[in-house]
Amino acid sequence: MTTKMKPIDMGKIVKEHRGKWVAIVDTGQSAKVVVSGNTRKQVQRKCKELGIERPIITHIPSQLGLYVL
């Protein structure tokens, strides 16, 4: 069974996490960054430790430009 997630406003996430890898989860009301780190593996490991299943993991660029997820 798949569920649809609402669109994510990345504006605040980009401002707060430039140059970092982030794990995002759908809270039902909105999307929330639950883990942030310098590497993808670091973020994956922390999600596993916290029992977070199926996060969206992405890199936030340090310099902004056209970026499509």
C-alpha atoms as a PDB file:
ATOM      1  CA  MET A   1       0.000   0.000   0.000  1.00  0.00           C
ATOM      2  CA  THR A   2       1.366   3.401  -0.920  1.00  0.00           C
ATOM      3  CA  THR A   3       0.423   6.686   0.651  1.00  0.00           C
ATOM      4  CA  LYS A   4       0.663  10.101  -0.903  1.00  0.00           C
ATOM      5  CA  MET A   5       2.740  12.722   0.807  1.00  0.00           C
ATOM      6  CA  LYS A   6       1.882  16.400   0.639  1.00  0.00           C
ATOM      7  CA  PRO A   7       4.302  18.717  -1.226  1.00  0.00           C
ATOM      8  CA  ILE A   8       7.233  19.841   0.912  1.00  0.00           C
ATOM      9  CA  ASP A   9       8.144  23.519   1.248  1.00  0.00           C
ATOM     10  CA  MET A  10      11.916  23.209   1.196  1.00  0.00           C
ATOM     11  CA  GLY A  11      12.564  26.925   1.867  1.00  0.00           C
ATOM     12  CA  LYS A  12      13.046  26.661   5.632  1.00  0.00           C
ATOM     13  CA  ILE A  13      14.872  23.329   5.351  1.00  0.00           C
ATOM     14  CA  VAL A  14      17.348  24.787   2.844  1.00  0.00           C
ATOM     15  CA  LYS A  15      18.027  27.852   5.015  1.00  0.00           C
ATOM     16  CA  GLU A  16      18.687  25.769   8.144  1.00  0.00           C
ATOM     17  CA  HIS A  17      20.609  22.830   6.626  1.00  0.00           C
ATOM     18  CA  ARG A  18      22.754  24.153   3.753  1.00  0.00           C
ATOM     19  CA  GLY A  19      25.541  21.760   2.818  1.00  0.00           C
ATOM     20  CA  LYS A  20      24.113  18.951   4.972  1.00  0.00           C
ATOM     21  CA  TRP A  21      22.390  15.630   4.391  1.00  0.00           C
ATOM     22  CA  VAL A  22      18.921  15.471   5.936  1.00  0.00           C
ATOM     23  CA  ALA A  23      16.315  12.822   6.689  1.00  0.00           C
ATOM     24  CA  ILE A  24      12.741  14.027   6.270  1.00  0.00           C
ATOM     25  CA  VAL A  25       9.585  12.262   7.454  1.00  0.00           C
ATOM     26  CA  ASP A  26       5.913  12.953   6.809  1.00  0.00           C
ATOM     27  CA  THR A  27       4.126  13.770  10.065  1.00  0.00           C
ATOM     28  CA  GLY A  28       0.708  13.669   8.423  1.00  0.00           C
ATOM     29  CA  GLN A  29       0.384  17.441   8.709  1.00  0.00           C
ATOM     30  CA  SER A  30       3.725  18.441   7.216  1.00  0.00           C
ATOM     31  CA  ALA A  31       7.249  17.241   6.564  1.00  0.00           C
ATOM     32  CA  LYS A  32       9.872  17.421   9.300  1.00  0.00           C
ATOM     33  CA  VAL A  33      13.661  17.084   9.343  1.00  0.00           C
ATOM     34  CA  VAL A  34      14.424  14.408  11.931  1.00  0.00           C
ATOM     35  CA  VAL A  35      18.159  13.919  11.345  1.00  0.00           C
ATOM     36  CA  SER A  36      20.873  16.111   9.832  1.00  0.00           C
ATOM     37  CA  GLY A  37      24.514  15.252   9.228  1.00  0.00           C
ATOM     38  CA  ASN A  38      27.604  15.721   7.090  1.00  0.00           C
ATOM     39  CA  THR A  39      27.330  12.406   5.218  1.00  0.00           C
ATOM     40  CA  ARG A  40      24.534  10.217   3.882  1.00  0.00           C
ATOM     41  CA  LYS A  41      25.836   7.231   5.853  1.00  0.00           C
ATOM     42  CA  GLN A  42      25.826   9.267   9.070  1.00  0.00           C
ATOM     43  CA  VAL A  43      22.170  10.208   8.508  1.00  0.00           C
ATOM     44  CA  GLN A  44      21.184   6.628   7.585  1.00  0.00           C
ATOM     45  CA  ARG A  45      22.913   5.239  10.678  1.00  0.00           C
ATOM     46  CA  LYS A  46      21.198   7.737  12.995  1.00  0.00           C
ATOM     47  CA  CYS A  47      17.788   6.996  11.442  1.00  0.00           C
ATOM     48  CA  LYS A  48      18.336   3.288  12.016  1.00  0.00           C
ATOM     49  CA  GLU A  49      19.374   3.919  15.645  1.00  0.00           C
ATOM     50  CA  LEU A  50      16.223   6.007  16.194  1.00  0.00           C
ATOM     51  CA  GLY A  51      13.977   3.417  14.519  1.00  0.00           C
ATOM     52  CA  ILE A  52      12.900   5.807  11.783  1.00  0.00           C
ATOM     53  CA  GLU A  53      11.503   3.797   8.887  1.00  0.00           C
ATOM     54  CA  ARG A  54      11.459   4.989   5.279  1.00  0.00           C
ATOM     55  CA  PRO A  55      12.782   8.545   5.655  1.00  0.00           C
ATOM     56  CA  ILE A  56      13.416  10.705   2.619  1.00  0.00           C
ATOM     57  CA  ILE A  57      17.164  11.324   2.617  1.00  0.00           C
ATOM     58  CA  THR A  58      18.555  14.119   0.469  1.00  0.00           C
ATOM     59  CA  HIS A  59      21.485  16.494   0.280  1.00  0.00           C
ATOM     60  CA  ILE A  60      20.863  20.219   0.645  1.00  0.00           C
ATOM     61  CA  PRO A  61      23.310  22.109  -1.586  1.00  0.00           C
ATOM     62  CA  SER A  62      25.522  24.735   0.034  1.00  0.00           C
ATOM     63  CA  GLN A  63      25.062  27.099  -2.901  1.00  0.00           C
ATOM     64  CA  LEU A  64      21.590  27.613  -4.245  1.00  0.00           C
ATOM     65  CA  GLY A  65      20.644  27.365  -7.871  1.00  0.00           C
ATOM     66  CA  LEU A  66      18.223  25.285  -9.857  1.00  0.00           C
ATOM     67  CA  TYR A  67      17.765  22.056  -7.904  1.00  0.00           C
ATOM     68  CA  VAL A  68      15.143  19.408  -8.597  1.00  0.00           C
ATOM     69  CA  LEU A  69      14.326  16.598  -6.169  1.00  0.00           C
END
